[in-house]
Amino acid sequence: MWISHSDPVLAVHDLDVSASWYCDVLGCELEDVDPGSWRFCRAGDVTFMLGRCPDVPTAGEIGDHSYVAYLHVDEVDGYHRRAVAAGAQVLKAPRDEPWGMRELGLRSPDGHRFMLAQRIGPA
């Protein structure tokens, strides 16, 4: 038995604002699966499944438990440039970590936090 991959299901207040962030910052392609309610944002093998939930607290309001995913990417610095150009909130500038990863922390408009990581050293 094994788990092949994961697709985060995320509550958002505004589908248009949030989907734009995923496109502009993470380079996602959009699929409007249920207009006005659900929008899927696909990047590589990951699909961020955005559900419109205007009456629930945002991830940013919840606080410490708003980290959603540790995303393995091919070029952390390229994502950093894209995020800065899009005006995204950078929580952690690209930094080489002692565990052999170069990491970048980002926050979405709804407060979901993502760590993007690129292997730079031994596993």
C-alpha atoms as a PDB file:
ATOM      1  CA  MET A   1       0.000   0.000   0.000  1.00  0.00           C
ATOM      2  CA  TRP A   2       1.160   3.546  -0.725  1.00  0.00           C
ATOM      3  CA  ILE A   3      -0.095   7.089  -1.270  1.00  0.00           C
ATOM      4  CA  SER A   4       0.709   8.346  -4.760  1.00  0.00           C
ATOM      5  CA  HIS A   5       0.266  12.121  -4.283  1.00  0.00           C
ATOM      6  CA  SER A   6      -1.876  14.759  -2.623  1.00  0.00           C
ATOM      7  CA  ASP A   7      -4.180  17.501  -3.922  1.00  0.00           C
ATOM      8  CA  PRO A   8      -4.905  20.149  -1.250  1.00  0.00           C
ATOM      9  CA  VAL A   9      -8.571  21.121  -0.806  1.00  0.00           C
ATOM     10  CA  LEU A  10      -8.638  24.762   0.317  1.00  0.00           C
ATOM     11  CA  ALA A  11     -11.450  26.999   1.523  1.00  0.00           C
ATOM     12  CA  VAL A  12     -11.242  30.486  -0.011  1.00  0.00           C
ATOM     13  CA  HIS A  13     -13.428  33.574   0.199  1.00  0.00           C
ATOM     14  CA  ASP A  14     -13.033  34.878  -3.359  1.00  0.00           C
ATOM     15  CA  LEU A  15     -12.436  32.334  -6.137  1.00  0.00           C
ATOM     16  CA  ASP A  16     -11.242  34.944  -8.632  1.00  0.00           C
ATOM     17  CA  VAL A  17      -8.686  36.577  -6.316  1.00  0.00           C
ATOM     18  CA  SER A  18      -7.400  33.252  -5.038  1.00  0.00           C
ATOM     19  CA  ALA A  19      -7.224  31.549  -8.451  1.00  0.00           C
ATOM     20  CA  SER A  20      -5.332  34.543  -9.842  1.00  0.00           C
ATOM     21  CA  TRP A  21      -2.758  34.172  -7.052  1.00  0.00           C
ATOM     22  CA  TYR A  22      -2.219  30.477  -7.859  1.00  0.00           C
ATOM     23  CA  CYS A  23      -1.793  31.314 -11.555  1.00  0.00           C
ATOM     24  CA  ASP A  24       0.453  34.343 -11.084  1.00  0.00           C
ATOM     25  CA  VAL A  25       2.611  32.984  -8.260  1.00  0.00           C
ATOM     26  CA  LEU A  26       2.682  29.208  -8.775  1.00  0.00           C
ATOM     27  CA  GLY A  27       2.070  29.128 -12.522  1.00  0.00           C
ATOM     28  CA  CYS A  28      -1.118  27.088 -12.286  1.00  0.00           C
ATOM     29  CA  GLU A  29      -3.574  26.347 -15.070  1.00  0.00           C
ATOM     30  CA  LEU A  30      -7.244  26.831 -14.175  1.00  0.00           C
ATOM     31  CA  GLU A  31     -10.223  24.550 -14.514  1.00  0.00           C
ATOM     32  CA  ASP A  32     -13.621  25.987 -13.553  1.00  0.00           C
ATOM     33  CA  VAL A  33     -15.187  22.694 -12.474  1.00  0.00           C
ATOM     34  CA  ASP A  34     -18.249  24.157 -10.737  1.00  0.00           C
ATOM     35  CA  PRO A  35     -18.511  27.865 -11.652  1.00  0.00           C
ATOM     36  CA  GLY A  36     -18.944  30.056  -8.608  1.00  0.00           C
ATOM     37  CA  SER A  37     -18.234  27.210  -6.177  1.00  0.00           C
ATOM     38  CA  TRP A  38     -15.100  25.268  -7.172  1.00  0.00           C
ATOM     39  CA  ARG A  39     -12.036  26.107  -9.210  1.00  0.00           C
ATOM     40  CA  PHE A  40      -9.095  23.743  -9.644  1.00  0.00           C
ATOM     41  CA  CYS A  41      -5.590  25.166 -10.068  1.00  0.00           C
ATOM     42  CA  ARG A  42      -3.132  22.660 -11.535  1.00  0.00           C
ATOM     43  CA  ALA A  43       0.680  22.901 -11.452  1.00  0.00           C
ATOM     44  CA  GLY A  44       2.622  19.797 -12.416  1.00  0.00           C
ATOM     45  CA  ASP A  45       1.211  16.817 -10.552  1.00  0.00           C
ATOM     46  CA  VAL A  46      -0.532  18.937  -7.900  1.00  0.00           C
ATOM     47  CA  THR A  47      -4.075  20.300  -8.091  1.00  0.00           C
ATOM     48  CA  PHE A  48      -5.104  22.952  -5.596  1.00  0.00           C
ATOM     49  CA  MET A  49      -8.853  22.442  -5.237  1.00  0.00           C
ATOM     50  CA  LEU A  50     -10.288  25.846  -4.286  1.00  0.00           C
ATOM     51  CA  GLY A  51     -13.756  25.825  -2.753  1.00  0.00           C
ATOM     52  CA  ARG A  52     -15.679  29.068  -2.243  1.00  0.00           C
ATOM     53  CA  CYS A  53     -16.498  29.308   1.480  1.00  0.00           C
ATOM     54  CA  PRO A  54     -17.223  32.984   2.241  1.00  0.00           C
ATOM     55  CA  ASP A  55     -18.708  32.287   5.681  1.00  0.00           C
ATOM     56  CA  VAL A  56     -15.810  30.369   7.251  1.00  0.00           C
ATOM     57  CA  PRO A  57     -12.714  31.931   8.839  1.00  0.00           C
ATOM     58  CA  THR A  58      -9.781  32.275   6.452  1.00  0.00           C
ATOM     59  CA  ALA A  59      -6.627  30.271   7.051  1.00  0.00           C
ATOM     60  CA  GLY A  60      -4.977  33.541   8.073  1.00  0.00           C
ATOM     61  CA  GLU A  61      -7.571  34.033  10.823  1.00  0.00           C
ATOM     62  CA  ILE A  62      -7.035  30.496  12.104  1.00  0.00           C
ATOM     63  CA  GLY A  63      -3.333  31.172  12.631  1.00  0.00           C
ATOM     64  CA  ASP A  64      -0.597  28.642  13.292  1.00  0.00           C
ATOM     65  CA  HIS A  65      -2.246  25.728  11.524  1.00  0.00           C
ATOM     66  CA  SER A  66      -2.414  27.413   8.131  1.00  0.00           C
ATOM     67  CA  TYR A  67       0.579  25.607   6.577  1.00  0.00           C
ATOM     68  CA  VAL A  68      -0.868  23.630   3.688  1.00  0.00           C
ATOM     69  CA  ALA A  69       1.951  22.010   1.762  1.00  0.00           C
ATOM     70  CA  TYR A  70       5.676  21.535   1.366  1.00  0.00           C
ATOM     71  CA  LEU A  71       6.043  21.747  -2.409  1.00  0.00           C
ATOM     72  CA  HIS A  72       9.126  20.282  -4.093  1.00  0.00           C
ATOM     73  CA  VAL A  73      10.074  22.534  -7.021  1.00  0.00           C
ATOM     74  CA  ASP A  74      12.860  22.709  -9.586  1.00  0.00           C
ATOM     75  CA  GLU A  75      13.928  26.327  -9.018  1.00  0.00           C
ATOM     76  CA  VAL A  76      13.167  28.121  -5.751  1.00  0.00           C
ATOM     77  CA  ASP A  77      14.762  31.369  -6.925  1.00  0.00           C
ATOM     78  CA  GLY A  78      12.601  31.435 -10.061  1.00  0.00           C
ATOM     79  CA  TYR A  79       9.469  31.039  -7.933  1.00  0.00           C
ATOM     80  CA  HIS A  80      10.733  33.793  -5.647  1.00  0.00           C
ATOM     81  CA  ARG A  81      11.144  36.185  -8.598  1.00  0.00           C
ATOM     82  CA  ARG A  82       7.659  35.288  -9.857  1.00  0.00           C
ATOM     83  CA  ALA A  83       6.133  35.786  -6.383  1.00  0.00           C
ATOM     84  CA  VAL A  84       7.775  39.184  -5.903  1.00  0.00           C
ATOM     85  CA  ALA A  85       6.694  40.316  -9.389  1.00  0.00           C
ATOM     86  CA  ALA A  86       3.093  39.293  -8.558  1.00  0.00           C
ATOM     87  CA  GLY A  87       3.170  41.169  -5.229  1.00  0.00           C
ATOM     88  CA  ALA A  88       2.812  37.964  -3.195  1.00  0.00           C
ATOM     89  CA  GLN A  89       3.582  37.924   0.509  1.00  0.00           C
ATOM     90  CA  VAL A  90       6.946  36.251   1.051  1.00  0.00           C
ATOM     91  CA  LEU A  91       7.209  34.793   4.553  1.00  0.00           C
ATOM     92  CA  LYS A  92      10.691  33.364   4.129  1.00  0.00           C
ATOM     93  CA  ALA A  93      13.117  34.571   1.476  1.00  0.00           C
ATOM     94  CA  PRO A  94      15.032  31.799  -0.314  1.00  0.00           C
ATOM     95  CA  ARG A  95      17.449  30.262   2.140  1.00  0.00           C
ATOM     96  CA  ASP A  96      19.703  27.205   2.148  1.00  0.00           C
ATOM     97  CA  GLU A  97      18.866  24.992   5.110  1.00  0.00           C
ATOM     98  CA  PRO A  98      21.134  22.497   6.909  1.00  0.00           C
ATOM     99  CA  TRP A  99      18.828  19.623   5.886  1.00  0.00           C
ATOM    100  CA  GLY A 100      19.916  20.012   2.246  1.00  0.00           C
ATOM    101  CA  MET A 101      17.000  22.068   0.939  1.00  0.00           C
ATOM    102  CA  ARG A 102      16.704  25.623  -0.382  1.00  0.00           C
ATOM    103  CA  GLU A 103      13.346  26.898   0.880  1.00  0.00           C
ATOM    104  CA  LEU A 104      10.941  29.754   0.167  1.00  0.00           C
ATOM    105  CA  GLY A 105       7.849  30.520   2.255  1.00  0.00           C
ATOM    106  CA  LEU A 106       4.765  32.143   0.671  1.00  0.00           C
ATOM    107  CA  ARG A 107       1.315  33.173   1.928  1.00  0.00           C
ATOM    108  CA  SER A 108      -1.800  33.180  -0.282  1.00  0.00           C
ATOM    109  CA  PRO A 109      -4.480  35.907  -0.108  1.00  0.00           C
ATOM    110  CA  ASP A 110      -6.548  33.643   2.174  1.00  0.00           C
ATOM    111  CA  GLY A 111      -3.607  33.040   4.499  1.00  0.00           C
ATOM    112  CA  HIS A 112      -2.632  29.549   3.352  1.00  0.00           C
ATOM    113  CA  ARG A 113       1.105  29.165   3.812  1.00  0.00           C
ATOM    114  CA  PHE A 114       3.310  27.149   1.468  1.00  0.00           C
ATOM    115  CA  MET A 115       6.949  26.144   1.690  1.00  0.00           C
ATOM    116  CA  LEU A 116       8.588  25.674  -1.705  1.00  0.00           C
ATOM    117  CA  ALA A 117      11.755  23.608  -1.589  1.00  0.00           C
ATOM    118  CA  GLN A 118      14.553  22.582  -3.906  1.00  0.00           C
ATOM    119  CA  ARG A 119      17.104  19.888  -3.022  1.00  0.00           C
ATOM    120  CA  ILE A 120      20.626  21.317  -2.884  1.00  0.00           C
ATOM    121  CA  GLY A 121      22.420  18.669  -0.870  1.00  0.00           C
ATOM    122  CA  PRO A 122      22.387  15.007   0.077  1.00  0.00           C
ATOM    123  CA  ALA A 123      19.101  13.469   1.157  1.00  0.00           C
END
